[in-house]
C-alpha atoms as a PDB file:
ATOM      1  CA  MET A   1      22.970 -64.181-134.940  1.00  0.00           C
ATOM      2  CA  SER A   2      19.519 -62.850-133.701  1.00  0.00           C
ATOM      3  CA  ASN A   3      19.769 -60.729-130.212  1.00  0.00           C
ATOM      4  CA  TYR A   4      16.198 -62.124-129.578  1.00  0.00           C
ATOM      5  CA  GLU A   5      15.658 -64.951-128.097  1.00  0.00           C
ATOM      6  CA  THR A   6      14.545 -68.075-129.492  1.00  0.00           C
ATOM      7  CA  PRO A   7      13.354 -71.694-128.372  1.00  0.00           C
ATOM      8  CA  GLU A   8      15.946 -74.392-127.940  1.00  0.00           C
ATOM      9  CA  TYR A   9      16.580 -76.468-131.220  1.00  0.00           C
ATOM     10  CA  ALA A  10      18.638 -78.780-133.121  1.00  0.00           C
ATOM     11  CA  VAL A  11      19.788 -79.103-135.984  1.00  0.00           C
ATOM     12  CA  VAL A  12      18.653 -82.112-137.616  1.00  0.00           C
ATOM     13  CA  GLU A  13      20.406 -81.165-141.597  1.00  0.00           C
ATOM     14  CA  LYS A  14      21.735 -78.410-142.533  1.00  0.00           C
ATOM     15  CA  ASP A  15      22.183 -77.449-146.603  1.00  0.00           C
ATOM     16  CA  GLY A  16      23.827 -74.350-146.981  1.00  0.00           C
ATOM     17  CA  GLU A  17      21.695 -71.947-145.263  1.00  0.00           C
ATOM     18  CA  LEU A  18      19.282 -73.996-144.870  1.00  0.00           C
ATOM     19  CA  GLU A  19      18.332 -75.768-141.665  1.00  0.00           C
ATOM     20  CA  LEU A  20      16.028 -78.563-140.790  1.00  0.00           C
ATOM     21  CA  ARG A  21      15.747 -77.956-137.323  1.00  0.00           C
ATOM     22  CA  THR A  22      13.699 -79.905-134.424  1.00  0.00           C
ATOM     23  CA  TYR A  23      12.051 -77.448-131.410  1.00  0.00           C
ATOM     24  CA  LYS A  24      11.950 -78.392-127.466  1.00  0.00           C
ATOM     25  CA  SER A  25       8.384 -77.582-126.472  1.00  0.00           C
ATOM     26  CA  TYR A  26       7.583 -73.517-126.825  1.00  0.00           C
ATOM     27  CA  LEU A  27       4.455 -71.111-125.886  1.00  0.00           C
ATOM     28  CA  THR A  28       2.435 -69.075-129.004  1.00  0.00           C
ATOM     29  CA  ALA A  29       0.390 -66.431-129.083  1.00  0.00           C
ATOM     30  CA  SER A  30      -1.463 -66.286-131.848  1.00  0.00           C
ATOM     31  CA  ILE A  31      -4.516 -64.615-133.688  1.00  0.00           C
ATOM     32  CA  GLU A  32      -6.519 -66.762-136.105  1.00  0.00           C
ATOM     33  CA  ASP A  33      -8.092 -64.148-139.159  1.00  0.00           C
ATOM     34  CA  LEU A  34     -11.362 -66.215-140.756  1.00  0.00           C
ATOM     35  CA  LYS A  35     -11.969 -63.404-143.034  1.00  0.00           C
ATOM     36  CA  SER A  36      -8.213 -62.765-144.164  1.00  0.00           C
ATOM     37  CA  GLU A  37      -5.333 -64.377-146.138  1.00  0.00           C
ATOM     38  CA  SER A  38      -2.906 -61.699-145.424  1.00  0.00           C
ATOM     39  CA  PRO A  39      -1.360 -61.323-142.024  1.00  0.00           C
ATOM     40  CA  SER A  40      -2.847 -59.551-139.940  1.00  0.00           C
ATOM     41  CA  GLY A  41      -2.973 -60.066-136.513  1.00  0.00           C
ATOM     42  CA  PHE A  42       0.864 -58.989-135.922  1.00  0.00           C
ATOM     43  CA  ASN A  43      -0.120 -56.056-134.471  1.00  0.00           C
ATOM     44  CA  GLN A  44      -3.034 -57.315-132.435  1.00  0.00           C
ATOM     45  CA  ILE A  45      -0.172 -59.641-131.200  1.00  0.00           C
ATOM     46  CA  PHE A  46       2.096 -57.010-130.665  1.00  0.00           C
ATOM     47  CA  ASP A  47      -0.116 -54.821-128.440  1.00  0.00           C
ATOM     48  CA  TYR A  48      -0.311 -57.769-126.149  1.00  0.00           C
ATOM     49  CA  ILE A  49       3.279 -57.943-125.549  1.00  0.00           C
ATOM     50  CA  SER A  50       3.330 -54.232-125.273  1.00  0.00           C
ATOM     51  CA  GLY A  51       1.889 -54.255-121.837  1.00  0.00           C
ATOM     52  CA  ASN A  52      -1.690 -54.803-122.845  1.00  0.00           C
ATOM     53  CA  ASN A  53      -2.516 -57.412-121.132  1.00  0.00           C
ATOM     54  CA  SER A  54      -3.896 -57.857-117.183  1.00  0.00           C
ATOM     55  CA  LYS A  55      -0.558 -57.047-115.470  1.00  0.00           C
ATOM     56  CA  ARG A  56       0.600 -54.097-117.842  1.00  0.00           C
ATOM     57  CA  GLU A  57       3.675 -56.857-118.460  1.00  0.00           C
ATOM     58  CA  LYS A  58       6.109 -56.011-121.148  1.00  0.00           C
ATOM     59  CA  ILE A  59       6.704 -59.003-122.847  1.00  0.00           C
ATOM     60  CA  ALA A  60      10.442 -59.441-124.934  1.00  0.00           C
ATOM     61  CA  MET A  61      10.047 -60.121-128.381  1.00  0.00           C
ATOM     62  CA  THR A  62      11.134 -63.333-129.575  1.00  0.00           C
ATOM     63  CA  VAL A  63      11.757 -64.846-133.230  1.00  0.00           C
ATOM     64  CA  PRO A  64      10.464 -66.726-134.994  1.00  0.00           C
ATOM     65  CA  VAL A  65       7.332 -65.195-135.425  1.00  0.00           C
ATOM     66  CA  PHE A  66       4.731 -67.548-137.455  1.00  0.00           C
ATOM     67  CA  ASN A  67       2.647 -66.351-140.379  1.00  0.00           C
ATOM     68  CA  GLU A  68       0.429 -69.493-141.886  1.00  0.00           C
ATOM     69  CA  LEU A  69      -1.793 -67.852-145.135  1.00  0.00           C
ATOM     70  CA  GLY A  70      -4.332 -70.075-146.538  1.00  0.00           C
ATOM     71  CA  ALA A  71      -8.030 -69.923-148.386  1.00  0.00           C
ATOM     72  CA  GLY A  72      -9.787 -67.275-146.375  1.00  0.00           C
ATOM     73  CA  ILE A  73      -7.764 -67.873-142.597  1.00  0.00           C
ATOM     74  CA  SER A  74      -4.403 -66.427-141.973  1.00  0.00           C
ATOM     75  CA  ILE A  75      -2.678 -66.809-138.442  1.00  0.00           C
ATOM     76  CA  THR A  76       0.141 -65.208-136.997  1.00  0.00           C
ATOM     77  CA  ALA A  77       1.950 -66.508-134.457  1.00  0.00           C
ATOM     78  CA  PHE A  78       4.660 -65.050-131.287  1.00  0.00           C
ATOM     79  CA  VAL A  79       6.358 -67.634-129.842  1.00  0.00           C
ATOM     80  CA  LEU A  80       6.801 -66.325-125.868  1.00  0.00           C
ATOM     81  CA  PRO A  81       9.700 -66.203-124.000  1.00  0.00           C
ATOM     82  CA  ALA A  82      10.912 -69.267-122.191  1.00  0.00           C
ATOM     83  CA  LYS A  83      10.350 -68.010-118.924  1.00  0.00           C
ATOM     84  CA  TYR A  84       6.890 -67.721-119.690  1.00  0.00           C
ATOM     85  CA  ALA A  85       6.881 -71.573-120.913  1.00  0.00           C
ATOM     86  CA  ASN A  86       5.385 -73.652-118.259  1.00  0.00           C
ATOM     87  CA  GLU A  87       3.767 -70.875-116.361  1.00  0.00           C
ATOM     88  CA  SER A  88      -0.257 -69.562-117.476  1.00  0.00           C
ATOM     89  CA  PRO A  89      -0.496 -67.195-120.060  1.00  0.00           C
ATOM     90  CA  LEU A  90      -0.861 -63.634-118.716  1.00  0.00           C
ATOM     91  CA  ASN A  91      -4.891 -62.563-118.162  1.00  0.00           C
ATOM     92  CA  LEU A  92      -6.114 -61.747-121.640  1.00  0.00           C
ATOM     93  CA  VAL A  93      -7.173 -57.845-122.938  1.00  0.00           C
ATOM     94  CA  ILE A  94      -7.162 -58.881-126.277  1.00  0.00           C
ATOM     95  CA  GLN A  95      -9.998 -61.935-126.313  1.00  0.00           C
ATOM     96  CA  GLU A  96      -8.752 -63.070-129.882  1.00  0.00           C
ATOM     97  CA  LEU A  97      -5.891 -64.199-128.501  1.00  0.00           C
ATOM     98  CA  LEU A  98      -5.276 -68.064-128.541  1.00  0.00           C
ATOM     99  CA  PHE A  99      -2.326 -69.972-126.638  1.00  0.00           C
ATOM    100  CA  LYS A 100      -0.752 -72.762-127.761  1.00  0.00           C
ATOM    101  CA  ARG A 101       1.880 -75.147-126.612  1.00  0.00           C
ATOM    102  CA  SER A 102       4.213 -77.425-128.703  1.00  0.00           C
ATOM    103  CA  ARG A 103       4.866 -80.711-128.044  1.00  0.00           C
ATOM    104  CA  LYS A 104       8.585 -81.532-126.873  1.00  0.00           C
ATOM    105  CA  ASN A 105      10.046 -83.149-129.610  1.00  0.00           C
END
């Protein structure tokens, strides 16, 4: 089991080590790069959670980290810790950073 926080989930179906999960609501910080087809936003988001935000507050690393790759686009998203789920995110220093809230299942 991981030492990192993960959003709350329920296992819907399991086949060996493969799990189909449904997650409760969570907040992500993401970078969308329209010029790349490789996951290039990781370092920018890591910089944000390492304290490059308005409060200079370090934010704990969580899992999973999402990477979505397509024709001419790359999206990297970090799930923020649960304590930020119902708060406004810390003010941005990194202008390209987007915040998205998943819907409750």
